[in-house]
Amino acid sequence: MATNPKIGLTFNVGKITVINTVQDVARALYELRDDHIKFSKNFVEITSSIQSFEELSVLPNIKGLMDVSHVGIQAPPHRTIDYFS
């Protein structure tokens, strides 16, 4: 797995720490996938989803979307700068 060499420098951690952290996060997201990622199971669900998105956005043939917004995290008082985005 390739990692950006600047990540380790930015957070003052070694390459192995960066690799392990990226793998841990990827593994956690994979384990949570069934709770948060939903796919249409049949033609009726796909058609309904496309129709709903078109009514909301006026964009045709959109089946779904991903929310990639930031999630607020309460930073511990002694390491606040590490939680800034």
PDB file of N, CA and C in Angstrom:
ATOM      1  N   MET A   1       0.850  -1.177   0.000  1.00  0.00           N
ATOM      2  CA  MET A   1       0.000   0.000   0.000  1.00  0.00           C
ATOM      3  C   MET A   1       0.895   1.239   0.000  1.00  0.00           C
ATOM      4  N   ALA A   2       0.698   2.104  -0.982  1.00  0.00           N
ATOM      5  CA  ALA A   2       1.503   3.325  -1.074  1.00  0.00           C
ATOM      6  C   ALA A   2       0.952   4.381  -0.122  1.00  0.00           C
ATOM      7  N   THR A   3       1.849   5.113   0.496  1.00  0.00           N
ATOM      8  CA  THR A   3       1.441   6.206   1.368  1.00  0.00           C
ATOM      9  C   THR A   3       2.197   7.459   0.974  1.00  0.00           C
ATOM     10  N   ASN A   4       1.642   8.583   1.286  1.00  0.00           N
ATOM     11  CA  ASN A   4       2.270   9.862   1.012  1.00  0.00           C
ATOM     12  C   ASN A   4       3.366  10.094   2.046  1.00  0.00           C
ATOM     13  N   PRO A   5       4.631  10.294   1.605  1.00  0.00           N
ATOM     14  CA  PRO A   5       5.723  10.463   2.577  1.00  0.00           C
ATOM     15  C   PRO A   5       5.567  11.705   3.447  1.00  0.00           C
ATOM     16  N   LYS A   6       4.771  12.667   3.008  1.00  0.00           N
ATOM     17  CA  LYS A   6       4.584  13.895   3.788  1.00  0.00           C
ATOM     18  C   LYS A   6       3.723  13.665   5.023  1.00  0.00           C
ATOM     19  N   ILE A   7       2.918  12.620   5.023  1.00  0.00           N
ATOM     20  CA  ILE A   7       2.046  12.358   6.177  1.00  0.00           C
ATOM     21  C   ILE A   7       2.884  12.133   7.425  1.00  0.00           C
ATOM     22  N   GLY A   8       3.886  11.272   7.326  1.00  0.00           N
ATOM     23  CA  GLY A   8       4.755  10.998   8.470  1.00  0.00           C
ATOM     24  C   GLY A   8       5.475  12.238   8.954  1.00  0.00           C
ATOM     25  N   LEU A   9       5.971  13.044   8.019  1.00  0.00           N
ATOM     26  CA  LEU A   9       6.665  14.282   8.386  1.00  0.00           C
ATOM     27  C   LEU A   9       5.712  15.277   9.042  1.00  0.00           C
ATOM     28  N   THR A  10       4.520  15.381   8.500  1.00  0.00           N
ATOM     29  CA  THR A  10       3.537  16.328   9.039  1.00  0.00           C
ATOM     30  C   THR A  10       3.197  16.015  10.488  1.00  0.00           C
ATOM     31  N   PHE A  11       3.028  14.736  10.797  1.00  0.00           N
ATOM     32  CA  PHE A  11       2.619  14.336  12.143  1.00  0.00           C
ATOM     33  C   PHE A  11       3.777  13.798  12.986  1.00  0.00           C
ATOM     34  N   ASN A  12       4.983  13.887  12.430  1.00  0.00           N
ATOM     35  CA  ASN A  12       6.189  13.469  13.146  1.00  0.00           C
ATOM     36  C   ASN A  12       6.101  12.013  13.612  1.00  0.00           C
ATOM     37  N   VAL A  13       5.688  11.143  12.677  1.00  0.00           N
ATOM     38  CA  VAL A  13       5.623   9.713  12.955  1.00  0.00           C
ATOM     39  C   VAL A  13       6.323   8.959  11.831  1.00  0.00           C
ATOM     40  N   GLY A  14       6.725   7.741  12.104  1.00  0.00           N
ATOM     41  CA  GLY A  14       7.429   6.930  11.129  1.00  0.00           C
ATOM     42  C   GLY A  14       6.526   6.332  10.069  1.00  0.00           C
ATOM     43  N   LYS A  15       7.166   5.846   8.996  1.00  0.00           N
ATOM     44  CA  LYS A  15       6.445   5.266   7.869  1.00  0.00           C
ATOM     45  C   LYS A  15       5.578   4.082   8.304  1.00  0.00           C
ATOM     46  N   ILE A  16       6.107   3.215   9.154  1.00  0.00           N
ATOM     47  CA  ILE A  16       5.350   2.044   9.618  1.00  0.00           C
ATOM     48  C   ILE A  16       4.111   2.477  10.395  1.00  0.00           C
ATOM     49  N   THR A  17       4.229   3.539  11.200  1.00  0.00           N
ATOM     50  CA  THR A  17       3.070   4.055  11.946  1.00  0.00           C
ATOM     51  C   THR A  17       1.998   4.537  10.982  1.00  0.00           C
ATOM     52  N   VAL A  18       2.406   5.247   9.936  1.00  0.00           N
ATOM     53  CA  VAL A  18       1.445   5.736   8.934  1.00  0.00           C
ATOM     54  C   VAL A  18       0.772   4.559   8.241  1.00  0.00           C
ATOM     55  N   ILE A  19       1.557   3.588   7.815  1.00  0.00           N
ATOM     56  CA  ILE A  19       0.995   2.417   7.126  1.00  0.00           C
ATOM     57  C   ILE A  19       0.019   1.673   8.030  1.00  0.00           C
ATOM     58  N   ASN A  20       0.415   1.428   9.278  1.00  0.00           N
ATOM     59  CA  ASN A  20      -0.468   0.713  10.212  1.00  0.00           C
ATOM     60  C   ASN A  20      -1.753   1.485  10.470  1.00  0.00           C
ATOM     61  N   THR A  21      -1.644   2.802  10.600  1.00  0.00           N
ATOM     62  CA  THR A  21      -2.832   3.622  10.856  1.00  0.00           C
ATOM     63  C   THR A  21      -3.775   3.605   9.664  1.00  0.00           C
ATOM     64  N   VAL A  22      -3.246   3.752   8.464  1.00  0.00           N
ATOM     65  CA  VAL A  22      -4.085   3.716   7.256  1.00  0.00           C
ATOM     66  C   VAL A  22      -4.774   2.353   7.148  1.00  0.00           C
ATOM     67  N   GLN A  23      -4.039   1.289   7.412  1.00  0.00           N
ATOM     68  CA  GLN A  23      -4.634  -0.045   7.343  1.00  0.00           C
ATOM     69  C   GLN A  23      -5.704  -0.240   8.418  1.00  0.00           C
ATOM     70  N   ASP A  24      -5.473   0.276   9.617  1.00  0.00           N
ATOM     71  CA  ASP A  24      -6.473   0.175  10.696  1.00  0.00           C
ATOM     72  C   ASP A  24      -7.757   0.907  10.326  1.00  0.00           C
ATOM     73  N   VAL A  25      -7.623   2.102   9.772  1.00  0.00           N
ATOM     74  CA  VAL A  25      -8.804   2.888   9.379  1.00  0.00           C
ATOM     75  C   VAL A  25      -9.540   2.181   8.242  1.00  0.00           C
ATOM     76  N   ALA A  26      -8.808   1.706   7.247  1.00  0.00           N
ATOM     77  CA  ALA A  26      -9.439   0.996   6.134  1.00  0.00           C
ATOM     78  C   ALA A  26     -10.174  -0.252   6.625  1.00  0.00           C
ATOM     79  N   ARG A  27      -9.562  -0.978   7.540  1.00  0.00           N
ATOM     80  CA  ARG A  27     -10.196  -2.182   8.101  1.00  0.00           C
ATOM     81  C   ARG A  27     -11.471  -1.822   8.860  1.00  0.00           C
ATOM     82  N   ALA A  28     -11.427  -0.755   9.653  1.00  0.00           N
ATOM     83  CA  ALA A  28     -12.604  -0.335  10.424  1.00  0.00           C
ATOM     84  C   ALA A  28     -13.738   0.078   9.493  1.00  0.00           C
ATOM     85  N   LEU A  29     -13.417   0.827   8.435  1.00  0.00           N
ATOM     86  CA  LEU A  29     -14.445   1.236   7.472  1.00  0.00           C
ATOM     87  C   LEU A  29     -15.041   0.018   6.772  1.00  0.00           C
ATOM     88  N   TYR A  30     -14.198  -0.936   6.436  1.00  0.00           N
ATOM     89  CA  TYR A  30     -14.674  -2.154   5.784  1.00  0.00           C
ATOM     90  C   TYR A  30     -15.632  -2.926   6.691  1.00  0.00           C
ATOM     91  N   GLU A  31     -15.304  -2.996   7.971  1.00  0.00           N
ATOM     92  CA  GLU A  31     -16.163  -3.712   8.918  1.00  0.00           C
ATOM     93  C   GLU A  31     -17.499  -3.013   9.126  1.00  0.00           C
ATOM     94  N   LEU A  32     -17.543  -1.700   8.953  1.00  0.00           N
ATOM     95  CA  LEU A  32     -18.782  -0.935   9.147  1.00  0.00           C
ATOM     96  C   LEU A  32     -19.598  -0.781   7.861  1.00  0.00           C
ATOM     97  N   ARG A  33     -19.094  -1.294   6.753  1.00  0.00           N
ATOM     98  CA  ARG A  33     -19.712  -1.038   5.451  1.00  0.00           C
ATOM     99  C   ARG A  33     -21.184  -1.433   5.382  1.00  0.00           C
ATOM    100  N   ASP A  34     -21.543  -2.570   5.950  1.00  0.00           N
ATOM    101  CA  ASP A  34     -22.930  -3.032   5.847  1.00  0.00           C
ATOM    102  C   ASP A  34     -23.899  -2.153   6.626  1.00  0.00           C
ATOM    103  N   ASP A  35     -23.402  -1.445   7.633  1.00  0.00           N
ATOM    104  CA  ASP A  35     -24.261  -0.558   8.418  1.00  0.00           C
ATOM    105  C   ASP A  35     -24.479   0.792   7.747  1.00  0.00           C
ATOM    106  N   HIS A  36     -23.570   1.176   6.847  1.00  0.00           N
ATOM    107  CA  HIS A  36     -23.612   2.543   6.321  1.00  0.00           C
ATOM    108  C   HIS A  36     -23.652   2.654   4.808  1.00  0.00           C
ATOM    109  N   ILE A  37     -23.337   1.602   4.101  1.00  0.00           N
ATOM    110  CA  ILE A  37     -23.361   1.634   2.638  1.00  0.00           C
ATOM    111  C   ILE A  37     -24.483   0.724   2.167  1.00  0.00           C
ATOM    112  N   LYS A  38     -25.436   1.306   1.460  1.00  0.00           N
ATOM    113  CA  LYS A  38     -26.588   0.539   0.990  1.00  0.00           C
ATOM    114  C   LYS A  38     -26.634   0.550  -0.532  1.00  0.00           C
ATOM    115  N   PHE A  39     -26.840  -0.604  -1.125  1.00  0.00           N
ATOM    116  CA  PHE A  39     -26.987  -0.729  -2.563  1.00  0.00           C
ATOM    117  C   PHE A  39     -28.400  -1.197  -2.883  1.00  0.00           C
ATOM    118  N   SER A  40     -28.935  -0.699  -3.987  1.00  0.00           N
ATOM    119  CA  SER A  40     -30.249  -1.158  -4.435  1.00  0.00           C
ATOM    120  C   SER A  40     -30.158  -2.640  -4.777  1.00  0.00           C
ATOM    121  N   LYS A  41     -31.188  -3.384  -4.392  1.00  0.00           N
ATOM    122  CA  LYS A  41     -31.142  -4.836  -4.555  1.00  0.00           C
ATOM    123  C   LYS A  41     -31.841  -5.343  -5.815  1.00  0.00           C
ATOM    124  N   ASN A  42     -32.689  -4.508  -6.412  1.00  0.00           N
ATOM    125  CA  ASN A  42     -33.416  -4.968  -7.593  1.00  0.00           C
ATOM    126  C   ASN A  42     -33.808  -3.770  -8.460  1.00  0.00           C
ATOM    127  N   PHE A  43     -34.393  -4.064  -9.603  1.00  0.00           N
ATOM    128  CA  PHE A  43     -34.751  -3.027 -10.573  1.00  0.00           C
ATOM    129  C   PHE A  43     -35.727  -2.014  -9.989  1.00  0.00           C
ATOM    130  N   VAL A  44     -36.680  -2.465  -9.203  1.00  0.00           N
ATOM    131  CA  VAL A  44     -37.672  -1.557  -8.606  1.00  0.00           C
ATOM    132  C   VAL A  44     -36.990  -0.550  -7.681  1.00  0.00           C
ATOM    133  N   GLU A  45     -36.067  -1.010  -6.843  1.00  0.00           N
ATOM    134  CA  GLU A  45     -35.352  -0.109  -5.934  1.00  0.00           C
ATOM    135  C   GLU A  45     -34.469   0.875  -6.717  1.00  0.00           C
ATOM    136  N   ILE A  46     -33.806   0.381  -7.771  1.00  0.00           N
ATOM    137  CA  ILE A  46     -32.963   1.258  -8.588  1.00  0.00           C
ATOM    138  C   ILE A  46     -33.810   2.339  -9.247  1.00  0.00           C
ATOM    139  N   THR A  47     -34.918   1.953  -9.841  1.00  0.00           N
ATOM    140  CA  THR A  47     -35.804   2.906 -10.510  1.00  0.00           C
ATOM    141  C   THR A  47     -36.352   3.927  -9.522  1.00  0.00           C
ATOM    142  N   SER A  48     -36.751   3.477  -8.354  1.00  0.00           N
ATOM    143  CA  SER A  48     -37.275   4.375  -7.331  1.00  0.00           C
ATOM    144  C   SER A  48     -36.211   5.365  -6.871  1.00  0.00           C
ATOM    145  N   SER A  49     -34.996   4.880  -6.677  1.00  0.00           N
ATOM    146  CA  SER A  49     -33.899   5.737  -6.248  1.00  0.00           C
ATOM    147  C   SER A  49     -33.584   6.798  -7.300  1.00  0.00           C
ATOM    148  N   ILE A  50     -33.516   6.399  -8.565  1.00  0.00           N
ATOM    149  CA  ILE A  50     -33.257   7.349  -9.653  1.00  0.00           C
ATOM    150  C   ILE A  50     -34.348   8.403  -9.699  1.00  0.00           C
ATOM    151  N   GLN A  51     -35.601   7.994  -9.570  1.00  0.00           N
ATOM    152  CA  GLN A  51     -36.724   8.936  -9.610  1.00  0.00           C
ATOM    153  C   GLN A  51     -36.663   9.916  -8.438  1.00  0.00           C
ATOM    154  N   SER A  52     -36.349   9.418  -7.252  1.00  0.00           N
ATOM    155  CA  SER A  52     -36.257  10.291  -6.070  1.00  0.00           C
ATOM    156  C   SER A  52     -35.170  11.341  -6.226  1.00  0.00           C
ATOM    157  N   PHE A  53     -33.989  10.933  -6.694  1.00  0.00           N
ATOM    158  CA  PHE A  53     -32.905  11.895  -6.877  1.00  0.00           C
ATOM    159  C   PHE A  53     -33.241  12.920  -7.948  1.00  0.00           C
ATOM    160  N   GLU A  54     -33.911  12.486  -9.002  1.00  0.00           N
ATOM    161  CA  GLU A  54     -34.269  13.423 -10.065  1.00  0.00           C
ATOM    162  C   GLU A  54     -35.272  14.453  -9.563  1.00  0.00           C
ATOM    163  N   GLU A  55     -36.210  14.032  -8.736  1.00  0.00           N
ATOM    164  CA  GLU A  55     -37.183  14.970  -8.168  1.00  0.00           C
ATOM    165  C   GLU A  55     -36.509  15.979  -7.236  1.00  0.00           C
ATOM    166  N   LEU A  56     -35.510  15.540  -6.491  1.00  0.00           N
ATOM    167  CA  LEU A  56     -34.819  16.417  -5.545  1.00  0.00           C
ATOM    168  C   LEU A  56     -33.796  17.334  -6.210  1.00  0.00           C
ATOM    169  N   SER A  57     -33.125  16.842  -7.238  1.00  0.00           N
ATOM    170  CA  SER A  57     -31.996  17.591  -7.785  1.00  0.00           C
ATOM    171  C   SER A  57     -32.165  18.049  -9.227  1.00  0.00           C
ATOM    172  N   VAL A  58     -33.150  17.558  -9.915  1.00  0.00           N
ATOM    173  CA  VAL A  58     -33.384  17.819 -11.337  1.00  0.00           C
ATOM    174  C   VAL A  58     -32.216  17.293 -12.190  1.00  0.00           C
ATOM    175  N   LEU A  59     -31.456  16.348 -11.657  1.00  0.00           N
ATOM    176  CA  LEU A  59     -30.387  15.707 -12.412  1.00  0.00           C
ATOM    177  C   LEU A  59     -30.840  14.298 -12.766  1.00  0.00           C
ATOM    178  N   PRO A  60     -30.790  13.933 -14.041  1.00  0.00           N
ATOM    179  CA  PRO A  60     -31.291  12.620 -14.455  1.00  0.00           C
ATOM    180  C   PRO A  60     -30.298  11.482 -14.182  1.00  0.00           C
ATOM    181  N   ASN A  61     -30.846  10.294 -13.996  1.00  0.00           N
ATOM    182  CA  ASN A  61     -30.077   9.041 -13.927  1.00  0.00           C
ATOM    183  C   ASN A  61     -29.066   8.960 -12.783  1.00  0.00           C
ATOM    184  N   ILE A  62     -29.356   9.590 -11.660  1.00  0.00           N
ATOM    185  CA  ILE A  62     -28.503   9.458 -10.488  1.00  0.00           C
ATOM    186  C   ILE A  62     -29.129   8.402  -9.582  1.00  0.00           C
ATOM    187  N   LYS A  63     -28.362   7.394  -9.281  1.00  0.00           N
ATOM    188  CA  LYS A  63     -28.877   6.289  -8.476  1.00  0.00           C
ATOM    189  C   LYS A  63     -28.603   6.493  -6.993  1.00  0.00           C
ATOM    190  N   GLY A  64     -27.520   7.175  -6.673  1.00  0.00           N
ATOM    191  CA  GLY A  64     -27.166   7.339  -5.272  1.00  0.00           C
ATOM    192  C   GLY A  64     -26.059   8.352  -5.107  1.00  0.00           C
ATOM    193  N   LEU A  65     -25.602   8.493  -3.872  1.00  0.00           N
ATOM    194  CA  LEU A  65     -24.543   9.436  -3.582  1.00  0.00           C
ATOM    195  C   LEU A  65     -23.810   9.007  -2.333  1.00  0.00           C
ATOM    196  N   MET A  66     -22.666   9.639  -2.119  1.00  0.00           N
ATOM    197  CA  MET A  66     -21.892   9.395  -0.903  1.00  0.00           C
ATOM    198  C   MET A  66     -21.730  10.711  -0.171  1.00  0.00           C
ATOM    199  N   ASP A  67     -21.949  10.691   1.111  1.00  0.00           N
ATOM    200  CA  ASP A  67     -21.730  11.863   1.948  1.00  0.00           C
ATOM    201  C   ASP A  67     -20.297  11.812   2.444  1.00  0.00           C
ATOM    202  N   VAL A  68     -19.515  12.788   2.045  1.00  0.00           N
ATOM    203  CA  VAL A  68     -18.114  12.816   2.461  1.00  0.00           C
ATOM    204  C   VAL A  68     -17.824  14.046   3.320  1.00  0.00           C
ATOM    205  N   SER A  69     -18.836  14.467   4.060  1.00  0.00           N
ATOM    206  CA  SER A  69     -18.668  15.640   4.911  1.00  0.00           C
ATOM    207  C   SER A  69     -17.846  15.291   6.151  1.00  0.00           C
ATOM    208  N   HIS A  70     -17.291  16.322   6.761  1.00  0.00           N
ATOM    209  CA  HIS A  70     -16.526  16.122   7.981  1.00  0.00           C
ATOM    210  C   HIS A  70     -17.453  15.767   9.141  1.00  0.00           C
ATOM    211  N   VAL A  71     -16.948  14.994  10.042  1.00  0.00           N
ATOM    212  CA  VAL A  71     -17.679  14.633  11.251  1.00  0.00           C
ATOM    213  C   VAL A  71     -16.992  15.321  12.422  1.00  0.00           C
ATOM    214  N   GLY A  72     -17.764  16.035  13.212  1.00  0.00           N
ATOM    215  CA  GLY A  72     -17.192  16.735  14.355  1.00  0.00           C
ATOM    216  C   GLY A  72     -16.677  15.784  15.412  1.00  0.00           C
ATOM    217  N   ILE A  73     -15.476  16.037  15.888  1.00  0.00           N
ATOM    218  CA  ILE A  73     -14.868  15.229  16.939  1.00  0.00           C
ATOM    219  C   ILE A  73     -14.424  16.165  18.048  1.00  0.00           C
ATOM    220  N   GLN A  74     -14.758  15.829  19.265  1.00  0.00           N
ATOM    221  CA  GLN A  74     -14.326  16.626  20.414  1.00  0.00           C
ATOM    222  C   GLN A  74     -12.864  16.305  20.702  1.00  0.00           C
ATOM    223  N   ALA A  75     -12.007  17.299  20.520  1.00  0.00           N
ATOM    224  CA  ALA A  75     -10.575  17.094  20.738  1.00  0.00           C
ATOM    225  C   ALA A  75     -10.248  17.117  22.224  1.00  0.00           C
ATOM    226  N   PRO A  76      -9.314  16.276  22.643  1.00  0.00           N
ATOM    227  CA  PRO A  76      -8.873  16.347  24.036  1.00  0.00           C
ATOM    228  C   PRO A  76      -8.145  17.672  24.271  1.00  0.00           C
ATOM    229  N   PRO A  77      -8.271  18.272  25.429  1.00  0.00           N
ATOM    230  CA  PRO A  77      -7.717  19.601  25.668  1.00  0.00           C
ATOM    231  C   PRO A  77      -6.202  19.689  25.492  1.00  0.00           C
ATOM    232  N   HIS A  78      -5.482  18.616  25.712  1.00  0.00           N
ATOM    233  CA  HIS A  78      -4.020  18.681  25.629  1.00  0.00           C
ATOM    234  C   HIS A  78      -3.473  18.468  24.216  1.00  0.00           C
ATOM    235  N   ARG A  79      -4.301  18.057  23.230  1.00  0.00           N
ATOM    236  CA  ARG A  79      -3.823  17.822  21.869  1.00  0.00           C
ATOM    237  C   ARG A  79      -4.760  18.440  20.840  1.00  0.00           C
ATOM    238  N   THR A  80      -5.323  19.587  21.119  1.00  0.00           N
ATOM    239  CA  THR A  80      -6.323  20.208  20.255  1.00  0.00           C
ATOM    240  C   THR A  80      -5.810  20.386  18.831  1.00  0.00           C
ATOM    241  N   ILE A  81      -4.575  20.820  18.650  1.00  0.00           N
ATOM    242  CA  ILE A  81      -4.041  21.095  17.317  1.00  0.00           C
ATOM    243  C   ILE A  81      -4.025  19.844  16.435  1.00  0.00           C
ATOM    244  N   ASP A  82      -3.913  18.674  17.030  1.00  0.00           N
ATOM    245  CA  ASP A  82      -3.903  17.432  16.254  1.00  0.00           C
ATOM    246  C   ASP A  82      -5.270  17.097  15.660  1.00  0.00           C
ATOM    247  N   TYR A  83      -6.304  17.758  16.120  1.00  0.00           N
ATOM    248  CA  TYR A  83      -7.666  17.469  15.652  1.00  0.00           C
ATOM    249  C   TYR A  83      -8.219  18.577  14.778  1.00  0.00           C
ATOM    250  N   PHE A  84      -7.376  19.504  14.369  1.00  0.00           N
ATOM    251  CA  PHE A  84      -7.816  20.604  13.519  1.00  0.00           C
ATOM    252  C   PHE A  84      -7.854  20.163  12.072  1.00  0.00           C
ATOM    253  N   SER A  85      -8.904  20.521  11.353  1.00  0.00           N
ATOM    254  CA  SER A  85      -9.013  20.186   9.942  1.00  0.00           C
ATOM    255  C   SER A  85      -9.351  21.440   9.175  1.00  0.00           C
TER     256      SER A  85
END
